[in-house]
Amino acid sequence: MSIFEYNGSALVAMVGKNCFAIASDRRLGVQLQTIATDFQKIYKIHDRLYLGLSGLATDAQTLYQRLVFRHKLYQLREERDMKPETFASLVSAVLYEKRFGPYFCQPVIAGLTDGDKPFICTMDSIGAKELAKDFVVAGTASESLYGACEAMFKPDLEPEELFEVVSQALLSSVDRDCLSGWGGHVYVVTPTEVTERILKGRMD
């Protein structure tokens, strides 16, 4: 078993019309044993920027703390929030710095740029960025997420439709993966509001 699959995870970010959604499952496991069913995998960096971390849970928490520290330093120095593109470069640099003993994480970054355009991106454990115009996925359920998102995604979805699409994609994908599941956690972010919802999925 790969170290990336040790705790199990499913992450997806999807763009809509001047909005984006980022969703994760809630399971924390040790291989096939479930430890917690309310584990947080999506973190708020600021009101318009969210970070999802799949992979090894201990590394995800450590990496999140380091990134929050770096973002707070940026806020103090620049007196503004970091743009999503800038934050993606920061995450990439922090990961690449440790490339010979990497954080076993696959981050998903989703945010709104200055013109309220959605930005999504994912990268591997050493910071190689993958930008997308539609959706990005990560975690042990990534293969089934690709299939579900490819089938269900439509461009320029309104926030409510986007929530439905991303939720259905997540729930149907985690049912095909033993290492992720136990419900879902979805954020839909528009220029004016953030909606956070907990999904109830199959509890097995």
Protein backbone atom coordinates (compact mmCIF):
# COMPACT_ATOMS: atom_id res chain seq x y z
CA MET A 1 0.00 0.00 0.00
CA SER A 2 1.29 3.44 -0.95
CA ILE A 3 1.86 5.91 1.91
CA PHE A 4 -0.58 8.27 0.11
CA GLU A 5 -3.34 5.68 0.62
CA TYR A 6 -2.63 5.10 4.33
CA ASN A 7 -5.40 7.40 5.65
CA GLY A 8 -7.68 7.50 2.57
CA SER A 9 -9.13 10.65 1.03
CA ALA A 10 -11.24 12.08 -1.77
CA LEU A 11 -10.99 15.72 -2.87
CA VAL A 12 -12.57 17.59 -5.77
CA ALA A 13 -12.73 21.25 -6.81
CA MET A 14 -14.98 22.44 -9.63
CA VAL A 15 -15.59 25.83 -11.26
CA GLY A 16 -18.95 27.44 -11.99
CA LYS A 17 -20.09 30.85 -13.21
CA ASN A 18 -18.08 33.30 -11.05
CA CYS A 19 -18.01 30.69 -8.27
CA PHE A 20 -16.32 27.44 -7.33
CA ALA A 21 -16.99 24.41 -5.16
CA ILE A 22 -14.48 22.36 -3.19
CA ALA A 23 -15.52 19.10 -1.56
CA SER A 24 -13.97 16.25 0.41
CA ASP A 25 -14.98 13.06 2.18
CA ARG A 26 -14.82 12.93 6.02
CA ARG A 27 -13.11 9.61 6.73
CA LEU A 28 -9.83 9.26 8.59
CA GLY A 29 -8.61 5.69 8.54
CA VAL A 30 -5.51 3.63 9.18
CA GLN A 31 -5.53 1.42 6.11
CA LEU A 32 -8.90 -0.39 6.32
CA GLN A 33 -9.70 0.57 9.93
CA THR A 34 -11.80 3.74 10.35
CA ILE A 35 -10.54 6.08 13.08
CA ALA A 36 -12.77 9.16 12.65
CA THR A 37 -15.78 10.14 10.58
CA ASP A 38 -15.55 13.94 10.89
CA PHE A 39 -12.00 14.62 9.74
CA GLN A 40 -11.33 18.04 8.19
CA LYS A 41 -9.50 18.00 4.85
CA ILE A 42 -10.49 21.43 3.50
CA TYR A 43 -8.97 24.51 5.14
CA LYS A 44 -9.86 28.18 4.77
CA ILE A 45 -6.89 30.41 3.95
CA HIS A 46 -9.02 33.54 3.58
CA ASP A 47 -12.62 34.33 2.51
CA ARG A 48 -11.97 33.69 -1.19
CA LEU A 49 -9.31 30.97 -0.98
CA TYR A 50 -9.56 27.36 0.20
CA LEU A 51 -7.02 24.56 0.39
CA GLY A 52 -7.79 20.84 0.35
CA LEU A 53 -5.08 18.39 1.43
CA SER A 54 -5.28 14.70 0.55
CA GLY A 55 -2.68 12.07 1.39
CA LEU A 56 -1.05 11.35 4.75
CA ALA A 57 -3.11 13.12 7.45
CA THR A 58 -0.16 14.00 9.73
CA ASP A 59 1.73 15.60 6.83
CA ALA A 60 -1.44 17.43 5.74
CA GLN A 61 -1.80 19.05 9.18
CA THR A 62 1.90 19.98 9.33
CA LEU A 63 1.84 21.42 5.81
CA TYR A 64 -1.32 23.43 6.59
CA GLN A 65 0.34 24.98 9.65
CA ARG A 66 3.40 25.96 7.60
CA LEU A 67 1.25 27.48 4.86
CA VAL A 68 -0.87 29.48 7.33
CA PHE A 69 2.37 30.80 8.88
CA ARG A 70 3.67 31.86 5.45
CA HIS A 71 0.35 33.46 4.52
CA LYS A 72 0.20 35.44 7.77
CA LEU A 73 3.73 36.75 7.13
CA TYR A 74 2.61 37.80 3.63
CA GLN A 75 -0.45 39.59 5.09
CA LEU A 76 1.73 41.49 7.57
CA ARG A 77 4.24 42.51 4.91
CA GLU A 78 1.86 43.29 2.02
CA GLU A 79 -1.25 44.31 4.00
CA ARG A 80 -3.53 42.29 1.69
CA ASP A 81 -4.66 38.73 1.13
CA MET A 82 -2.73 36.44 -1.19
CA LYS A 83 -4.14 35.86 -4.68
CA PRO A 84 -4.94 32.21 -5.49
CA GLU A 85 -2.23 32.07 -8.20
CA THR A 86 0.35 33.42 -5.77
CA PHE A 87 -0.72 30.97 -3.07
CA ALA A 88 -0.45 28.07 -5.55
CA SER A 89 3.14 29.14 -6.28
CA LEU A 90 3.85 29.33 -2.53
CA VAL A 91 2.48 25.81 -1.94
CA SER A 92 4.50 24.53 -4.89
CA ALA A 93 7.70 26.14 -3.53
CA VAL A 94 7.13 24.80 0.02
CA LEU A 95 6.63 21.27 -1.35
CA TYR A 96 9.59 21.43 -3.76
CA GLU A 97 11.85 22.65 -0.95
CA LYS A 98 11.32 19.24 0.72
CA ARG A 99 11.54 17.19 -2.51
CA PHE A 100 14.11 14.69 -1.15
CA GLY A 101 11.87 13.84 1.82
CA PRO A 102 8.49 15.18 0.69
CA TYR A 103 5.26 15.87 2.52
CA PHE A 104 3.08 12.97 1.38
CA CYS A 105 0.26 15.28 0.32
CA GLN A 106 -1.55 16.12 -2.85
CA PRO A 107 -3.02 19.63 -2.41
CA VAL A 108 -6.04 21.09 -4.19
CA ILE A 109 -6.23 24.91 -4.27
CA ALA A 110 -9.42 26.76 -5.16
CA GLY A 111 -10.03 30.50 -5.03
CA LEU A 112 -11.56 33.56 -6.66
CA THR A 113 -9.21 35.96 -8.43
CA ASP A 114 -9.55 39.77 -8.39
CA GLY A 115 -12.02 39.73 -11.29
CA ASP A 116 -14.18 37.12 -9.48
CA LYS A 117 -12.93 34.44 -11.87
CA PRO A 118 -12.53 31.00 -10.28
CA PHE A 119 -9.03 29.51 -10.09
CA ILE A 120 -8.41 25.82 -9.36
CA CYS A 121 -5.22 23.82 -9.31
CA THR A 122 -3.71 20.67 -7.89
CA MET A 123 -0.15 19.42 -7.61
CA ASP A 124 1.83 16.34 -6.69
CA SER A 125 3.87 15.85 -3.51
CA ILE A 126 6.87 17.76 -4.89
CA GLY A 127 4.91 20.75 -6.15
CA ALA A 128 4.40 20.10 -9.90
CA LYS A 129 1.32 22.22 -10.65
CA GLU A 130 -1.62 21.09 -12.74
CA LEU A 131 -3.97 23.93 -13.66
CA ALA A 132 -7.48 23.24 -14.98
CA LYS A 133 -10.43 25.21 -16.36
CA ASP A 134 -13.12 22.76 -15.25
CA PHE A 135 -12.29 20.53 -12.26
CA VAL A 136 -9.38 18.95 -10.37
CA VAL A 137 -9.38 15.83 -8.19
CA ALA A 138 -7.03 14.23 -5.65
CA GLY A 139 -6.89 11.37 -3.17
CA THR A 140 -7.52 7.63 -3.22
CA ALA A 141 -10.88 8.07 -4.99
CA SER A 142 -9.36 10.25 -7.74
CA GLU A 143 -9.88 7.74 -10.56
CA SER A 144 -13.62 7.39 -9.99
CA LEU A 145 -13.86 11.16 -9.37
CA TYR A 146 -12.35 11.82 -12.80
CA GLY A 147 -15.03 9.64 -14.40
CA ALA A 148 -17.94 11.14 -12.45
CA CYS A 149 -16.80 14.76 -12.95
CA GLU A 150 -16.10 14.20 -16.65
CA ALA A 151 -19.64 12.90 -17.09
CA MET A 152 -21.45 15.48 -14.93
CA PHE A 153 -19.54 18.73 -15.40
CA LYS A 154 -21.10 21.51 -17.48
CA PRO A 155 -19.54 24.97 -17.97
CA ASP A 156 -20.97 28.09 -16.26
CA LEU A 157 -23.07 26.32 -13.60
CA GLU A 158 -24.88 28.51 -11.07
CA PRO A 159 -23.92 27.97 -7.38
CA GLU A 160 -26.90 25.70 -6.54
CA GLU A 161 -26.42 23.52 -9.64
CA LEU A 162 -22.68 23.38 -8.97
CA PHE A 163 -23.37 22.15 -5.43
CA GLU A 164 -25.60 19.36 -6.78
CA VAL A 165 -23.09 18.27 -9.42
CA VAL A 166 -20.06 18.25 -7.11
CA SER A 167 -22.01 16.47 -4.34
CA GLN A 168 -23.31 13.73 -6.63
CA ALA A 169 -19.86 13.26 -8.18
CA LEU A 170 -18.26 12.96 -4.73
CA LEU A 171 -20.85 10.60 -3.25
CA SER A 172 -20.92 8.24 -6.24
CA SER A 173 -17.10 8.17 -6.36
CA VAL A 174 -16.42 7.40 -2.69
CA ASP A 175 -18.83 4.44 -2.91
CA ARG A 176 -16.35 2.91 -5.36
CA ASP A 177 -13.36 3.39 -3.05
CA CYS A 178 -12.85 1.46 0.21
CA LEU A 179 -10.53 4.03 1.77
CA SER A 180 -12.71 7.16 1.55
CA GLY A 181 -16.32 7.98 2.36
CA TRP A 182 -18.42 8.50 5.53
CA GLY A 183 -20.23 11.52 4.13
CA GLY A 184 -18.92 14.67 2.53
CA HIS A 185 -18.01 18.28 3.25
CA VAL A 186 -18.79 20.85 0.53
CA TYR A 187 -17.96 24.56 0.28
CA VAL A 188 -19.53 26.66 -2.49
CA VAL A 189 -17.83 30.06 -2.74
CA THR A 190 -19.26 33.05 -4.63
CA PRO A 191 -18.00 36.68 -4.58
CA THR A 192 -20.60 37.54 -1.91
CA GLU A 193 -21.03 34.42 0.22
CA VAL A 194 -19.65 31.06 1.29
CA THR A 195 -22.02 28.10 1.73
CA GLU A 196 -20.77 25.15 3.78
CA ARG A 197 -22.75 21.91 3.77
CA ILE A 198 -22.23 18.46 5.30
CA LEU A 199 -23.38 15.54 3.14
CA LYS A 200 -24.63 12.28 4.53
CA GLY A 201 -23.35 9.32 2.55
CA ARG A 202 -23.15 5.56 3.05
CA MET A 203 -21.84 4.96 6.55
CA ASP A 204 -19.84 1.81 5.75
